[in-house]
């Protein structure tokens, strides 16, 4: 099974793809492959950011103190 890359690694790859596509030196076939990979990486990064945003939003002030609430996805799965 393929190990999940970090957000930072995905973002670096996405930036490289944008640079390669912007340079205009790839063939049409190469460009399409890079574009598809870029879309996949952009979706992955977007999901990571959305998850981080939900966690930040869960940080709520209660009785003068901050507490992090668990999300359903953070809870252990039940069989």
PDB file of N, CA and C in Angstrom:
ATOM      1  N   UNK A   1       0.841  -1.188   0.000  1.00  0.00           N
ATOM      2  CA  UNK A   1       0.000   0.000   0.000  1.00  0.00           C
ATOM      3  C   UNK A   1       0.885   1.249   0.000  1.00  0.00           C
ATOM      4  N   UNK A   2       0.490   2.248  -0.759  1.00  0.00           N
ATOM      5  CA  UNK A   2       1.257   3.489  -0.879  1.00  0.00           C
ATOM      6  C   UNK A   2       1.129   4.314   0.401  1.00  0.00           C
ATOM      7  N   UNK A   3       2.282   4.730   0.944  1.00  0.00           N
ATOM      8  CA  UNK A   3       2.289   5.536   2.158  1.00  0.00           C
ATOM      9  C   UNK A   3       1.854   6.964   1.839  1.00  0.00           C
ATOM     10  N   UNK A   4       0.994   7.536   2.678  1.00  0.00           N
ATOM     11  CA  UNK A   4       0.504   8.886   2.461  1.00  0.00           C
ATOM     12  C   UNK A   4       1.626   9.889   2.688  1.00  0.00           C
ATOM     13  N   UNK A   5       1.744  10.809   1.747  1.00  0.00           N
ATOM     14  CA  UNK A   5       2.748  11.855   1.855  1.00  0.00           C
ATOM     15  C   UNK A   5       2.218  12.980   2.735  1.00  0.00           C
ATOM     16  N   UNK A   6       3.126  13.783   3.216  1.00  0.00           N
ATOM     17  CA  UNK A   6       2.728  14.910   4.044  1.00  0.00           C
ATOM     18  C   UNK A   6       2.155  16.029   3.173  1.00  0.00           C
ATOM     19  N   UNK A   7       1.437  16.913   3.804  1.00  0.00           N
ATOM     20  CA  UNK A   7       0.870  18.079   3.121  1.00  0.00           C
ATOM     21  C   UNK A   7       1.977  18.872   2.434  1.00  0.00           C
ATOM     22  N   UNK A   8       3.064  19.058   3.133  1.00  0.00           N
ATOM     23  CA  UNK A   8       4.180  19.848   2.601  1.00  0.00           C
ATOM     24  C   UNK A   8       4.779  19.212   1.358  1.00  0.00           C
ATOM     25  N   UNK A   9       4.916  17.878   1.364  1.00  0.00           N
ATOM     26  CA  UNK A   9       5.446  17.175   0.193  1.00  0.00           C
ATOM     27  C   UNK A   9       4.498  17.309  -0.996  1.00  0.00           C
ATOM     28  N   UNK A  10       3.208  17.146  -0.737  1.00  0.00           N
ATOM     29  CA  UNK A  10       2.218  17.294  -1.802  1.00  0.00           C
ATOM     30  C   UNK A  10       2.229  18.708  -2.365  1.00  0.00           C
ATOM     31  N   UNK A  11       2.345  19.696  -1.497  1.00  0.00           N
ATOM     32  CA  UNK A  11       2.348  21.092  -1.941  1.00  0.00           C
ATOM     33  C   UNK A  11       3.583  21.394  -2.796  1.00  0.00           C
ATOM     34  N   UNK A  12       4.737  20.864  -2.401  1.00  0.00           N
ATOM     35  CA  UNK A  12       5.958  21.057  -3.194  1.00  0.00           C
ATOM     36  C   UNK A  12       5.809  20.442  -4.582  1.00  0.00           C
ATOM     37  N   UNK A  13       5.250  19.234  -4.634  1.00  0.00           N
ATOM     38  CA  UNK A  13       5.039  18.581  -5.922  1.00  0.00           C
ATOM     39  C   UNK A  13       4.079  19.383  -6.787  1.00  0.00           C
ATOM     40  N   UNK A  14       3.028  19.893  -6.163  1.00  0.00           N
ATOM     41  CA  UNK A  14       2.051  20.694  -6.892  1.00  0.00           C
ATOM     42  C   UNK A  14       2.699  21.960  -7.451  1.00  0.00           C
ATOM     43  N   UNK A  15       3.531  22.602  -6.662  1.00  0.00           N
ATOM     44  CA  UNK A  15       4.230  23.802  -7.123  1.00  0.00           C
ATOM     45  C   UNK A  15       5.156  23.492  -8.303  1.00  0.00           C
ATOM     46  N   UNK A  16       5.830  22.351  -8.248  1.00  0.00           N
ATOM     47  CA  UNK A  16       6.713  21.946  -9.342  1.00  0.00           C
ATOM     48  C   UNK A  16       5.904  21.703 -10.615  1.00  0.00           C
ATOM     49  N   UNK A  17       4.759  21.066 -10.479  1.00  0.00           N
ATOM     50  CA  UNK A  17       3.904  20.802 -11.638  1.00  0.00           C
ATOM     51  C   UNK A  17       3.443  22.110 -12.266  1.00  0.00           C
ATOM     52  N   UNK A  18       3.048  23.070 -11.436  1.00  0.00           N
ATOM     53  CA  UNK A  18       2.619  24.372 -11.949  1.00  0.00           C
ATOM     54  C   UNK A  18       3.759  25.031 -12.729  1.00  0.00           C
ATOM     55  N   UNK A  19       4.966  24.965 -12.190  1.00  0.00           N
ATOM     56  CA  UNK A  19       6.131  25.539 -12.876  1.00  0.00           C
ATOM     57  C   UNK A  19       6.372  24.850 -14.221  1.00  0.00           C
ATOM     58  N   UNK A  20       6.290  23.522 -14.237  1.00  0.00           N
ATOM     59  CA  UNK A  20       6.515  22.768 -15.472  1.00  0.00           C
ATOM     60  C   UNK A  20       5.455  23.096 -16.519  1.00  0.00           C
ATOM     61  N   UNK A  21       4.198  23.177 -16.084  1.00  0.00           N
ATOM     62  CA  UNK A  21       3.129  23.498 -17.025  1.00  0.00           C
ATOM     63  C   UNK A  21       3.255  24.935 -17.527  1.00  0.00           C
ATOM     64  N   UNK A  22       3.652  25.830 -16.645  1.00  0.00           N
ATOM     65  CA  UNK A  22       3.803  27.240 -17.015  1.00  0.00           C
ATOM     66  C   UNK A  22       4.944  27.456 -18.006  1.00  0.00           C
ATOM     67  N   UNK A  23       5.967  26.614 -17.925  1.00  0.00           N
ATOM     68  CA  UNK A  23       7.119  26.750 -18.811  1.00  0.00           C
ATOM     69  C   UNK A  23       6.742  26.456 -20.265  1.00  0.00           C
ATOM     70  N   UNK A  24       5.709  25.639 -20.478  1.00  0.00           N
ATOM     71  CA  UNK A  24       5.237  25.343 -21.825  1.00  0.00           C
ATOM     72  C   UNK A  24       6.159  24.459 -22.648  1.00  0.00           C
ATOM     73  N   UNK A  25       7.001  23.683 -22.008  1.00  0.00           N
ATOM     74  CA  UNK A  25       7.968  22.842 -22.732  1.00  0.00           C
ATOM     75  C   UNK A  25       7.536  21.378 -22.812  1.00  0.00           C
ATOM     76  N   UNK A  26       6.407  21.035 -22.211  1.00  0.00           N
ATOM     77  CA  UNK A  26       5.937  19.651 -22.210  1.00  0.00           C
ATOM     78  C   UNK A  26       5.084  19.375 -23.444  1.00  0.00           C
ATOM     79  N   UNK A  27       5.064  18.109 -23.833  1.00  0.00           N
ATOM     80  CA  UNK A  27       4.160  17.727 -24.915  1.00  0.00           C
ATOM     81  C   UNK A  27       2.730  17.746 -24.383  1.00  0.00           C
ATOM     82  N   UNK A  28       1.773  17.643 -25.287  1.00  0.00           N
ATOM     83  CA  UNK A  28       0.369  17.633 -24.872  1.00  0.00           C
ATOM     84  C   UNK A  28       0.100  16.463 -23.928  1.00  0.00           C
ATOM     85  N   UNK A  29       0.606  15.291 -24.258  1.00  0.00           N
ATOM     86  CA  UNK A  29       0.413  14.113 -23.412  1.00  0.00           C
ATOM     87  C   UNK A  29       1.030  14.282 -22.036  1.00  0.00           C
ATOM     88  N   UNK A  30       2.242  14.811 -22.004  1.00  0.00           N
ATOM     89  CA  UNK A  30       2.916  15.057 -20.720  1.00  0.00           C
ATOM     90  C   UNK A  30       2.146  16.095 -19.909  1.00  0.00           C
ATOM     91  N   UNK A  31       1.673  17.127 -20.585  1.00  0.00           N
ATOM     92  CA  UNK A  31       0.906  18.180 -19.913  1.00  0.00           C
ATOM     93  C   UNK A  31      -0.362  17.626 -19.287  1.00  0.00           C
ATOM     94  N   UNK A  32      -1.055  16.759 -20.020  1.00  0.00           N
ATOM     95  CA  UNK A  32      -2.284  16.165 -19.479  1.00  0.00           C
ATOM     96  C   UNK A  32      -2.005  15.311 -18.251  1.00  0.00           C
ATOM     97  N   UNK A  33      -0.925  14.521 -18.308  1.00  0.00           N
ATOM     98  CA  UNK A  33      -0.567  13.694 -17.147  1.00  0.00           C
ATOM     99  C   UNK A  33      -0.228  14.567 -15.941  1.00  0.00           C
ATOM    100  N   UNK A  34       0.550  15.631 -16.180  1.00  0.00           N
ATOM    101  CA  UNK A  34       0.920  16.538 -15.090  1.00  0.00           C
ATOM    102  C   UNK A  34      -0.319  17.234 -14.527  1.00  0.00           C
ATOM    103  N   UNK A  35      -1.230  17.633 -15.429  1.00  0.00           N
ATOM    104  CA  UNK A  35      -2.456  18.307 -14.998  1.00  0.00           C
ATOM    105  C   UNK A  35      -3.294  17.377 -14.117  1.00  0.00           C
ATOM    106  N   UNK A  36      -3.440  16.116 -14.530  1.00  0.00           N
ATOM    107  CA  UNK A  36      -4.196  15.139 -13.732  1.00  0.00           C
ATOM    108  C   UNK A  36      -3.560  14.948 -12.359  1.00  0.00           C
ATOM    109  N   UNK A  37      -2.246  14.821 -12.332  1.00  0.00           N
ATOM    110  CA  UNK A  37      -1.551  14.664 -11.054  1.00  0.00           C
ATOM    111  C   UNK A  37      -1.725  15.910 -10.193  1.00  0.00           C
ATOM    112  N   UNK A  38      -1.670  17.080 -10.827  1.00  0.00           N
ATOM    113  CA  UNK A  38      -1.863  18.337 -10.105  1.00  0.00           C
ATOM    114  C   UNK A  38      -3.241  18.437  -9.478  1.00  0.00           C
ATOM    115  N   UNK A  39      -4.261  18.009 -10.218  1.00  0.00           N
ATOM    116  CA  UNK A  39      -5.631  18.026  -9.684  1.00  0.00           C
ATOM    117  C   UNK A  39      -5.725  17.109  -8.468  1.00  0.00           C
ATOM    118  N   UNK A  40      -5.132  15.918  -8.564  1.00  0.00           N
ATOM    119  CA  UNK A  40      -5.152  14.975  -7.436  1.00  0.00           C
ATOM    120  C   UNK A  40      -4.451  15.568  -6.223  1.00  0.00           C
ATOM    121  N   UNK A  41      -3.301  16.184  -6.440  1.00  0.00           N
ATOM    122  CA  UNK A  41      -2.555  16.795  -5.335  1.00  0.00           C
ATOM    123  C   UNK A  41      -3.310  17.980  -4.744  1.00  0.00           C
ATOM    124  N   UNK A  42      -3.937  18.790  -5.598  1.00  0.00           N
ATOM    125  CA  UNK A  42      -4.703  19.941  -5.110  1.00  0.00           C
ATOM    126  C   UNK A  42      -5.875  19.478  -4.248  1.00  0.00           C
ATOM    127  N   UNK A  43      -6.546  18.410  -4.663  1.00  0.00           N
ATOM    128  CA  UNK A  43      -7.656  17.873  -3.867  1.00  0.00           C
ATOM    129  C   UNK A  43      -7.164  17.341  -2.527  1.00  0.00           C
ATOM    130  N   UNK A  44      -6.037  16.655  -2.547  1.00  0.00           N
ATOM    131  CA  UNK A  44      -5.456  16.128  -1.309  1.00  0.00           C
ATOM    132  C   UNK A  44      -5.088  17.261  -0.352  1.00  0.00           C
ATOM    133  N   UNK A  45      -4.451  18.301  -0.871  1.00  0.00           N
ATOM    134  CA  UNK A  45      -4.074  19.447  -0.042  1.00  0.00           C
ATOM    135  C   UNK A  45      -5.311  20.150   0.504  1.00  0.00           C
ATOM    136  N   UNK A  46      -6.323  20.277  -0.321  1.00  0.00           N
ATOM    137  CA  UNK A  46      -7.561  20.926   0.099  1.00  0.00           C
ATOM    138  C   UNK A  46      -8.217  20.164   1.243  1.00  0.00           C
ATOM    139  N   UNK A  47      -8.249  18.836   1.141  1.00  0.00           N
ATOM    140  CA  UNK A  47      -8.829  18.021   2.215  1.00  0.00           C
ATOM    141  C   UNK A  47      -8.045  18.181   3.512  1.00  0.00           C
ATOM    142  N   UNK A  48      -6.720  18.211   3.399  1.00  0.00           N
ATOM    143  CA  UNK A  48      -5.880  18.404   4.588  1.00  0.00           C
ATOM    144  C   UNK A  48      -6.173  19.751   5.245  1.00  0.00           C
ATOM    145  N   UNK A  49      -6.275  20.788   4.427  1.00  0.00           N
ATOM    146  CA  UNK A  49      -6.545  22.126   4.958  1.00  0.00           C
ATOM    147  C   UNK A  49      -7.931  22.195   5.599  1.00  0.00           C
ATOM    148  N   UNK A  50      -8.913  21.561   4.971  1.00  0.00           N
ATOM    149  CA  UNK A  50     -10.262  21.553   5.543  1.00  0.00           C
ATOM    150  C   UNK A  50     -10.272  20.851   6.895  1.00  0.00           C
ATOM    151  N   UNK A  51      -9.536  19.748   6.998  1.00  0.00           N
ATOM    152  CA  UNK A  51      -9.446  19.032   8.274  1.00  0.00           C
ATOM    153  C   UNK A  51      -8.793  19.886   9.345  1.00  0.00           C
ATOM    154  N   UNK A  52      -7.738  20.578   8.979  1.00  0.00           N
ATOM    155  CA  UNK A  52      -7.059  21.454   9.929  1.00  0.00           C
ATOM    156  C   UNK A  52      -7.973  22.593  10.349  1.00  0.00           C
ATOM    157  N   UNK A  53      -8.731  23.125   9.397  1.00  0.00           N
ATOM    158  CA  UNK A  53      -9.659  24.217   9.710  1.00  0.00           C
ATOM    159  C   UNK A  53     -10.736  23.753  10.695  1.00  0.00           C
ATOM    160  N   UNK A  54     -11.253  22.550  10.489  1.00  0.00           N
ATOM    161  CA  UNK A  54     -12.278  22.021  11.413  1.00  0.00           C
ATOM    162  C   UNK A  54     -11.706  21.859  12.819  1.00  0.00           C
ATOM    163  N   UNK A  55     -10.466  21.413  12.905  1.00  0.00           N
ATOM    164  CA  UNK A  55      -9.848  21.238  14.223  1.00  0.00           C
ATOM    165  C   UNK A  55      -9.649  22.580  14.913  1.00  0.00           C
ATOM    166  N   UNK A  56      -9.247  23.582  14.157  1.00  0.00           N
ATOM    167  CA  UNK A  56      -9.067  24.918  14.737  1.00  0.00           C
ATOM    168  C   UNK A  56     -10.414  25.464  15.209  1.00  0.00           C
ATOM    169  N   UNK A  57     -11.457  25.258  14.401  1.00  0.00           N
ATOM    170  CA  UNK A  57     -12.783  25.739  14.771  1.00  0.00           C
ATOM    171  C   UNK A  57     -13.314  25.040  16.018  1.00  0.00           C
ATOM    172  N   UNK A  58     -12.838  23.822  16.263  1.00  0.00           N
ATOM    173  CA  UNK A  58     -13.291  23.065  17.435  1.00  0.00           C
ATOM    174  C   UNK A  58     -12.675  23.592  18.723  1.00  0.00           C
ATOM    175  N   UNK A  59     -11.670  24.411  18.589  1.00  0.00           N
ATOM    176  CA  UNK A  59     -11.029  24.991  19.762  1.00  0.00           C
ATOM    177  C   UNK A  59     -11.950  26.092  20.286  1.00  0.00           C
ATOM    178  N   UNK A  60     -12.676  25.762  21.309  1.00  0.00           N
ATOM    179  CA  UNK A  60     -13.699  26.685  21.811  1.00  0.00           C
ATOM    180  C   UNK A  60     -13.389  27.102  23.241  1.00  0.00           C
ATOM    181  N   UNK A  61     -13.777  28.321  23.556  1.00  0.00           N
ATOM    182  CA  UNK A  61     -13.564  28.825  24.907  1.00  0.00           C
ATOM    183  C   UNK A  61     -14.731  28.374  25.785  1.00  0.00           C
ATOM    184  N   UNK A  62     -14.409  27.661  26.854  1.00  0.00           N
ATOM    185  CA  UNK A  62     -15.408  27.178  27.798  1.00  0.00           C
ATOM    186  C   UNK A  62     -14.965  27.555  29.200  1.00  0.00           C
ATOM    187  N   UNK A  63     -15.802  28.261  29.909  1.00  0.00           N
ATOM    188  CA  UNK A  63     -15.507  28.666  31.280  1.00  0.00           C
ATOM    189  C   UNK A  63     -14.144  29.356  31.381  1.00  0.00           C
ATOM    190  N   UNK A  64     -13.838  30.205  30.403  1.00  0.00           N
ATOM    191  CA  UNK A  64     -12.590  30.949  30.433  1.00  0.00           C
ATOM    192  C   UNK A  64     -11.373  30.159  30.012  1.00  0.00           C
ATOM    193  N   UNK A  65     -11.563  28.889  29.598  1.00  0.00           N
ATOM    194  CA  UNK A  65     -10.447  28.045  29.173  1.00  0.00           C
ATOM    195  C   UNK A  65     -10.714  27.531  27.767  1.00  0.00           C
ATOM    196  N   UNK A  66      -9.655  27.236  27.070  1.00  0.00           N
ATOM    197  CA  UNK A  66      -9.776  26.666  25.734  1.00  0.00           C
ATOM    198  C   UNK A  66      -9.685  25.151  25.813  1.00  0.00           C
ATOM    199  N   UNK A  67     -10.487  24.471  24.988  1.00  0.00           N
ATOM    200  CA  UNK A  67     -10.464  23.013  24.963  1.00  0.00           C
ATOM    201  C   UNK A  67     -10.651  22.549  23.527  1.00  0.00           C
ATOM    202  N   UNK A  68      -9.972  21.483  23.165  1.00  0.00           N
ATOM    203  CA  UNK A  68     -10.096  20.910  21.832  1.00  0.00           C
ATOM    204  C   UNK A  68     -11.089  19.762  21.897  1.00  0.00           C
ATOM    205  N   UNK A  69     -12.141  19.861  21.087  1.00  0.00           N
ATOM    206  CA  UNK A  69     -13.152  18.811  21.049  1.00  0.00           C
ATOM    207  C   UNK A  69     -12.788  17.803  19.982  1.00  0.00           C
ATOM    208  N   UNK A  70     -13.126  16.537  20.215  1.00  0.00           N
ATOM    209  CA  UNK A  70     -12.844  15.479  19.245  1.00  0.00           C
ATOM    210  C   UNK A  70     -13.855  15.519  18.114  1.00  0.00           C
ATOM    211  N   UNK A  71     -13.376  15.216  16.921  1.00  0.00           N
ATOM    212  CA  UNK A  71     -14.232  15.049  15.753  1.00  0.00           C
ATOM    213  C   UNK A  71     -14.563  13.579  15.616  1.00  0.00           C
ATOM    214  N   UNK A  72     -15.620  13.285  14.905  1.00  0.00           N
ATOM    215  CA  UNK A  72     -15.993  11.895  14.655  1.00  0.00           C
ATOM    216  C   UNK A  72     -14.847  11.155  13.963  1.00  0.00           C
ATOM    217  N   UNK A  73     -14.153  11.819  13.037  1.00  0.00           N
ATOM    218  CA  UNK A  73     -13.069  11.173  12.315  1.00  0.00           C
ATOM    219  C   UNK A  73     -11.856  10.915  13.197  1.00  0.00           C
ATOM    220  N   UNK A  74     -11.742  11.631  14.322  1.00  0.00           N
ATOM    221  CA  UNK A  74     -10.631  11.417  15.247  1.00  0.00           C
ATOM    222  C   UNK A  74     -10.920  10.275  16.206  1.00  0.00           C
ATOM    223  N   UNK A  75     -12.185   9.932  16.360  1.00  0.00           N
ATOM    224  CA  UNK A  75     -12.576   8.883  17.289  1.00  0.00           C
ATOM    225  C   UNK A  75     -12.204   7.519  16.692  1.00  0.00           C
ATOM    226  N   UNK A  76     -11.880   6.541  17.532  1.00  0.00           N
ATOM    227  CA  UNK A  76     -11.562   5.213  17.026  1.00  0.00           C
ATOM    228  C   UNK A  76     -12.761   4.612  16.291  1.00  0.00           C
ATOM    229  N   UNK A  77     -12.474   3.883  15.218  1.00  0.00           N
ATOM    230  CA  UNK A  77     -13.555   3.261  14.441  1.00  0.00           C
ATOM    231  C   UNK A  77     -14.112   2.063  15.191  1.00  0.00           C
ATOM    232  N   UNK A  78     -15.416   1.879  15.053  1.00  0.00           N
ATOM    233  CA  UNK A  78     -16.080   0.724  15.670  1.00  0.00           C
ATOM    234  C   UNK A  78     -16.306  -0.314  14.601  1.00  0.00           C
ATOM    235  N   UNK A  79     -16.063  -1.582  14.948  1.00  0.00           N
ATOM    236  CA  UNK A  79     -16.273  -2.670  13.981  1.00  0.00           C
ATOM    237  C   UNK A  79     -17.668  -3.198  14.044  1.00  0.00           C
TER     238      UNK A  79
END
